[in-house]
N, C-alpha and C. Protein backbone atom coordinates (compact mmCIF):
# COMPACT_ATOMS: atom_id res chain seq x y z
N PRO A 1 4.15 35.47 45.46
CA PRO A 1 4.60 34.11 45.72
C PRO A 1 4.92 33.37 44.42
N ILE A 2 5.63 32.24 44.57
CA ILE A 2 6.12 31.50 43.41
C ILE A 2 4.99 30.85 42.61
N TYR A 3 3.91 30.45 43.28
CA TYR A 3 2.85 29.78 42.55
C TYR A 3 2.12 30.72 41.60
N VAL A 4 2.12 32.00 41.87
CA VAL A 4 1.51 32.97 40.95
C VAL A 4 2.38 33.08 39.70
N LEU A 5 3.68 33.13 39.88
CA LEU A 5 4.58 33.19 38.72
C LEU A 5 4.51 31.90 37.91
N ALA A 6 4.41 30.75 38.57
CA ALA A 6 4.31 29.48 37.87
C ALA A 6 3.01 29.41 37.07
N LEU A 7 1.91 29.85 37.67
CA LEU A 7 0.62 29.86 36.98
C LEU A 7 0.67 30.79 35.77
N LEU A 8 1.27 31.96 35.94
CA LEU A 8 1.42 32.91 34.84
C LEU A 8 2.26 32.29 33.71
N ASN A 9 3.33 31.59 34.09
CA ASN A 9 4.17 30.93 33.10
C ASN A 9 3.38 29.87 32.33
N PHE A 10 2.60 29.07 33.02
CA PHE A 10 1.81 28.03 32.34
C PHE A 10 0.74 28.63 31.44
N VAL A 11 0.12 29.71 31.85
CA VAL A 11 -0.90 30.35 31.03
C VAL A 11 -0.28 30.93 29.76
N ILE A 12 0.83 31.63 29.90
CA ILE A 12 1.48 32.21 28.73
C ILE A 12 1.98 31.10 27.80
N THR A 13 2.57 30.07 28.37
CA THR A 13 3.07 28.95 27.55
C THR A 13 1.93 28.29 26.80
N ARG A 14 0.80 28.10 27.47
CA ARG A 14 -0.36 27.47 26.82
C ARG A 14 -0.86 28.32 25.67
N LEU A 15 -0.91 29.61 25.86
CA LEU A 15 -1.36 30.50 24.78
C LEU A 15 -0.41 30.49 23.60
N VAL A 16 0.88 30.57 23.87
CA VAL A 16 1.86 30.62 22.79
C VAL A 16 1.88 29.31 22.01
N TYR A 17 1.99 28.18 22.71
CA TYR A 17 2.03 26.90 22.02
C TYR A 17 0.69 26.55 21.38
N GLY A 18 -0.40 26.99 21.98
CA GLY A 18 -1.71 26.78 21.37
C GLY A 18 -1.83 27.51 20.04
N TYR A 19 -1.17 28.65 19.93
CA TYR A 19 -1.17 29.38 18.67
C TYR A 19 -0.19 28.77 17.66
N LEU A 20 1.00 28.36 18.13
CA LEU A 20 2.04 27.91 17.21
C LEU A 20 1.83 26.50 16.68
N LEU A 21 1.22 25.64 17.46
CA LEU A 21 1.11 24.23 17.09
C LEU A 21 0.40 23.98 15.75
N PRO A 22 -0.73 24.63 15.46
CA PRO A 22 -1.37 24.38 14.16
C PRO A 22 -0.52 24.80 12.97
N TYR A 23 0.41 25.71 13.17
CA TYR A 23 1.23 26.22 12.07
C TYR A 23 2.64 25.63 12.06
N ALA A 24 2.88 24.60 12.84
CA ALA A 24 4.22 24.04 12.96
C ALA A 24 4.67 23.36 11.67
N GLU A 25 3.74 22.73 10.97
CA GLU A 25 4.11 22.03 9.75
C GLU A 25 3.03 22.26 8.71
N THR A 26 3.48 22.60 7.50
CA THR A 26 2.52 22.85 6.42
C THR A 26 2.12 21.53 5.77
N LYS A 27 1.03 21.54 5.04
CA LYS A 27 0.56 20.35 4.34
C LYS A 27 1.51 20.03 3.18
N LYS A 28 1.80 18.74 3.03
CA LYS A 28 2.65 18.28 1.94
C LYS A 28 2.00 17.05 1.30
N THR A 29 2.45 16.73 0.09
CA THR A 29 1.95 15.51 -0.53
C THR A 29 2.49 14.30 0.21
N ASP A 30 1.74 13.22 0.21
CA ASP A 30 2.11 12.05 1.01
C ASP A 30 2.94 11.08 0.18
N LEU A 31 4.25 11.06 0.44
CA LEU A 31 5.15 10.09 -0.16
C LEU A 31 5.86 9.29 0.93
N GLY A 32 5.35 9.32 2.14
CA GLY A 32 6.03 8.70 3.26
C GLY A 32 6.19 7.21 3.16
N GLY A 33 5.26 6.50 2.53
CA GLY A 33 5.32 5.05 2.48
C GLY A 33 6.53 4.53 1.72
N ALA A 34 6.79 5.10 0.55
CA ALA A 34 7.92 4.64 -0.26
C ALA A 34 9.25 4.95 0.42
N PHE A 35 9.35 6.12 1.01
CA PHE A 35 10.58 6.48 1.71
C PHE A 35 10.77 5.63 2.96
N TRP A 36 9.67 5.33 3.65
CA TRP A 36 9.75 4.52 4.87
C TRP A 36 10.28 3.13 4.55
N VAL A 37 9.77 2.51 3.49
CA VAL A 37 10.23 1.18 3.10
C VAL A 37 11.70 1.23 2.70
N SER A 38 12.10 2.26 1.97
CA SER A 38 13.50 2.40 1.58
C SER A 38 14.40 2.56 2.80
N GLN A 39 13.96 3.32 3.79
CA GLN A 39 14.75 3.49 5.00
C GLN A 39 14.85 2.18 5.77
N LEU A 40 13.78 1.40 5.81
CA LEU A 40 13.84 0.12 6.51
C LEU A 40 14.79 -0.86 5.82
N HIS A 41 14.86 -0.81 4.50
CA HIS A 41 15.85 -1.64 3.80
C HIS A 41 17.26 -1.23 4.20
N ASN A 42 17.49 0.07 4.29
CA ASN A 42 18.81 0.54 4.71
C ASN A 42 19.12 0.12 6.15
N VAL A 43 18.11 0.13 7.01
CA VAL A 43 18.32 -0.32 8.39
C VAL A 43 18.70 -1.80 8.41
N TYR A 44 18.03 -2.62 7.60
CA TYR A 44 18.37 -4.04 7.54
C TYR A 44 19.80 -4.25 7.06
N ILE A 45 20.23 -3.48 6.07
CA ILE A 45 21.61 -3.59 5.59
C ILE A 45 22.57 -3.24 6.72
N GLY A 46 22.27 -2.18 7.47
CA GLY A 46 23.11 -1.79 8.59
C GLY A 46 23.17 -2.86 9.67
N VAL A 47 22.04 -3.50 9.95
CA VAL A 47 22.01 -4.54 10.98
C VAL A 47 22.79 -5.77 10.53
N VAL A 48 22.72 -6.11 9.25
CA VAL A 48 23.51 -7.23 8.74
C VAL A 48 25.00 -6.93 8.88
N ILE A 49 25.41 -5.73 8.50
CA ILE A 49 26.81 -5.35 8.63
C ILE A 49 27.23 -5.39 10.10
N TYR A 50 26.37 -4.89 10.99
CA TYR A 50 26.67 -4.90 12.42
C TYR A 50 26.83 -6.33 12.94
N CYS A 51 25.94 -7.23 12.55
CA CYS A 51 26.05 -8.62 13.01
C CYS A 51 27.34 -9.27 12.51
N LEU A 52 27.69 -9.00 11.26
CA LEU A 52 28.94 -9.55 10.73
C LEU A 52 30.15 -9.01 11.48
N LEU A 53 30.16 -7.72 11.71
CA LEU A 53 31.30 -7.12 12.41
C LEU A 53 31.41 -7.62 13.85
N MET A 54 30.30 -7.69 14.56
CA MET A 54 30.35 -8.12 15.95
C MET A 54 30.73 -9.60 16.06
N THR A 55 30.28 -10.41 15.12
CA THR A 55 30.69 -11.81 15.12
C THR A 55 32.19 -11.92 14.88
N GLY A 56 32.71 -11.10 13.97
CA GLY A 56 34.15 -11.10 13.71
C GLY A 56 34.95 -10.59 14.90
N VAL A 57 34.44 -9.56 15.58
CA VAL A 57 35.12 -9.04 16.76
C VAL A 57 35.16 -10.10 17.86
N LEU A 58 34.05 -10.77 18.07
CA LEU A 58 34.02 -11.82 19.09
C LEU A 58 34.95 -12.97 18.73
N TYR A 59 35.05 -13.29 17.45
CA TYR A 59 35.94 -14.36 17.03
C TYR A 59 37.40 -14.00 17.27
N SER A 60 37.74 -12.73 16.98
CA SER A 60 39.14 -12.34 17.09
C SER A 60 39.58 -12.02 18.53
N ARG A 61 38.68 -11.55 19.37
CA ARG A 61 39.07 -11.11 20.71
C ARG A 61 38.80 -12.11 21.81
N ALA A 62 37.90 -13.03 21.59
CA ALA A 62 37.56 -13.97 22.66
C ALA A 62 38.62 -15.06 22.77
N ALA A 63 38.75 -15.60 23.96
CA ALA A 63 39.74 -16.65 24.19
C ALA A 63 39.32 -17.96 23.52
N THR A 64 38.01 -18.17 23.43
CA THR A 64 37.50 -19.38 22.78
C THR A 64 36.56 -18.98 21.66
N ILE A 65 36.07 -19.97 20.94
CA ILE A 65 35.16 -19.71 19.84
C ILE A 65 33.70 -19.61 20.30
N GLY A 66 33.45 -19.87 21.58
CA GLY A 66 32.09 -19.90 22.12
C GLY A 66 31.29 -18.62 21.92
N PRO A 67 31.81 -17.45 22.27
CA PRO A 67 31.02 -16.22 22.09
C PRO A 67 30.63 -15.98 20.63
N MET A 68 31.54 -16.31 19.72
CA MET A 68 31.22 -16.14 18.31
C MET A 68 30.09 -17.08 17.89
N LEU A 69 30.11 -18.30 18.41
CA LEU A 69 29.06 -19.25 18.07
C LEU A 69 27.70 -18.84 18.65
N ILE A 70 27.73 -18.13 19.76
CA ILE A 70 26.48 -17.64 20.34
C ILE A 70 25.93 -16.46 19.52
N ALA A 71 26.81 -15.60 19.02
CA ALA A 71 26.39 -14.40 18.28
C ALA A 71 26.07 -14.68 16.82
N ALA A 72 26.65 -15.71 16.23
CA ALA A 72 26.49 -15.97 14.80
C ALA A 72 25.04 -16.23 14.38
N PRO A 73 24.22 -16.93 15.15
CA PRO A 73 22.83 -17.15 14.70
C PRO A 73 22.01 -15.87 14.56
N SER A 74 22.45 -14.79 15.17
CA SER A 74 21.71 -13.54 15.02
C SER A 74 21.70 -13.08 13.57
N LEU A 75 22.76 -13.38 12.84
CA LEU A 75 22.80 -13.03 11.42
C LEU A 75 21.72 -13.78 10.66
N GLY A 76 21.55 -15.05 10.96
CA GLY A 76 20.48 -15.82 10.31
C GLY A 76 19.11 -15.27 10.62
N TYR A 77 18.89 -14.86 11.86
CA TYR A 77 17.60 -14.30 12.24
C TYR A 77 17.34 -12.99 11.51
N VAL A 78 18.36 -12.15 11.39
CA VAL A 78 18.19 -10.87 10.69
C VAL A 78 17.88 -11.12 9.22
N LEU A 79 18.60 -12.05 8.59
CA LEU A 79 18.33 -12.33 7.18
C LEU A 79 16.94 -12.91 6.98
N LEU A 80 16.50 -13.77 7.90
CA LEU A 80 15.14 -14.33 7.82
C LEU A 80 14.09 -13.23 7.99
N SER A 81 14.31 -12.33 8.92
CA SER A 81 13.38 -11.22 9.13
C SER A 81 13.33 -10.30 7.92
N TRP A 82 14.49 -10.06 7.32
CA TRP A 82 14.55 -9.20 6.14
C TRP A 82 13.79 -9.84 4.98
N ARG A 83 13.94 -11.14 4.82
CA ARG A 83 13.23 -11.86 3.76
C ARG A 83 11.72 -11.81 4.00
N ARG A 84 11.30 -11.98 5.26
CA ARG A 84 9.88 -11.91 5.59
C ARG A 84 9.35 -10.49 5.35
N PHE A 85 10.16 -9.48 5.64
CA PHE A 85 9.76 -8.10 5.39
C PHE A 85 9.56 -7.86 3.90
N ASP A 86 10.50 -8.36 3.08
CA ASP A 86 10.39 -8.18 1.63
C ASP A 86 9.17 -8.92 1.07
N SER A 87 8.91 -10.12 1.57
CA SER A 87 7.78 -10.89 1.04
C SER A 87 6.45 -10.28 1.46
N ALA A 88 6.39 -9.58 2.57
CA ALA A 88 5.15 -8.93 3.00
C ALA A 88 4.84 -7.72 2.11
N LEU A 89 5.86 -7.13 1.51
CA LEU A 89 5.63 -5.97 0.66
C LEU A 89 5.41 -6.33 -0.81
N ALA A 90 5.74 -7.56 -1.18
CA ALA A 90 5.61 -7.95 -2.58
C ALA A 90 4.18 -8.27 -2.96
């Protein structure tokens, strides 16, 4: 029956992954903090560029200026958040 094959599959899978999991990643020196902060700065730069581009797209494609005025404050929020992020690390 199918349940015997399923049980056999789960048992074999448990044995294989139970053996492989401890050896999946070797020990390395910990430099994650500096790289993490650098990556977050890059993410903030990307979000600022995205906000600028989307505000420009809304300005050029919308029939009125309203959608651009709704989207524009997001740039201020991103810049404020980025400043707060930098001050928390200083």
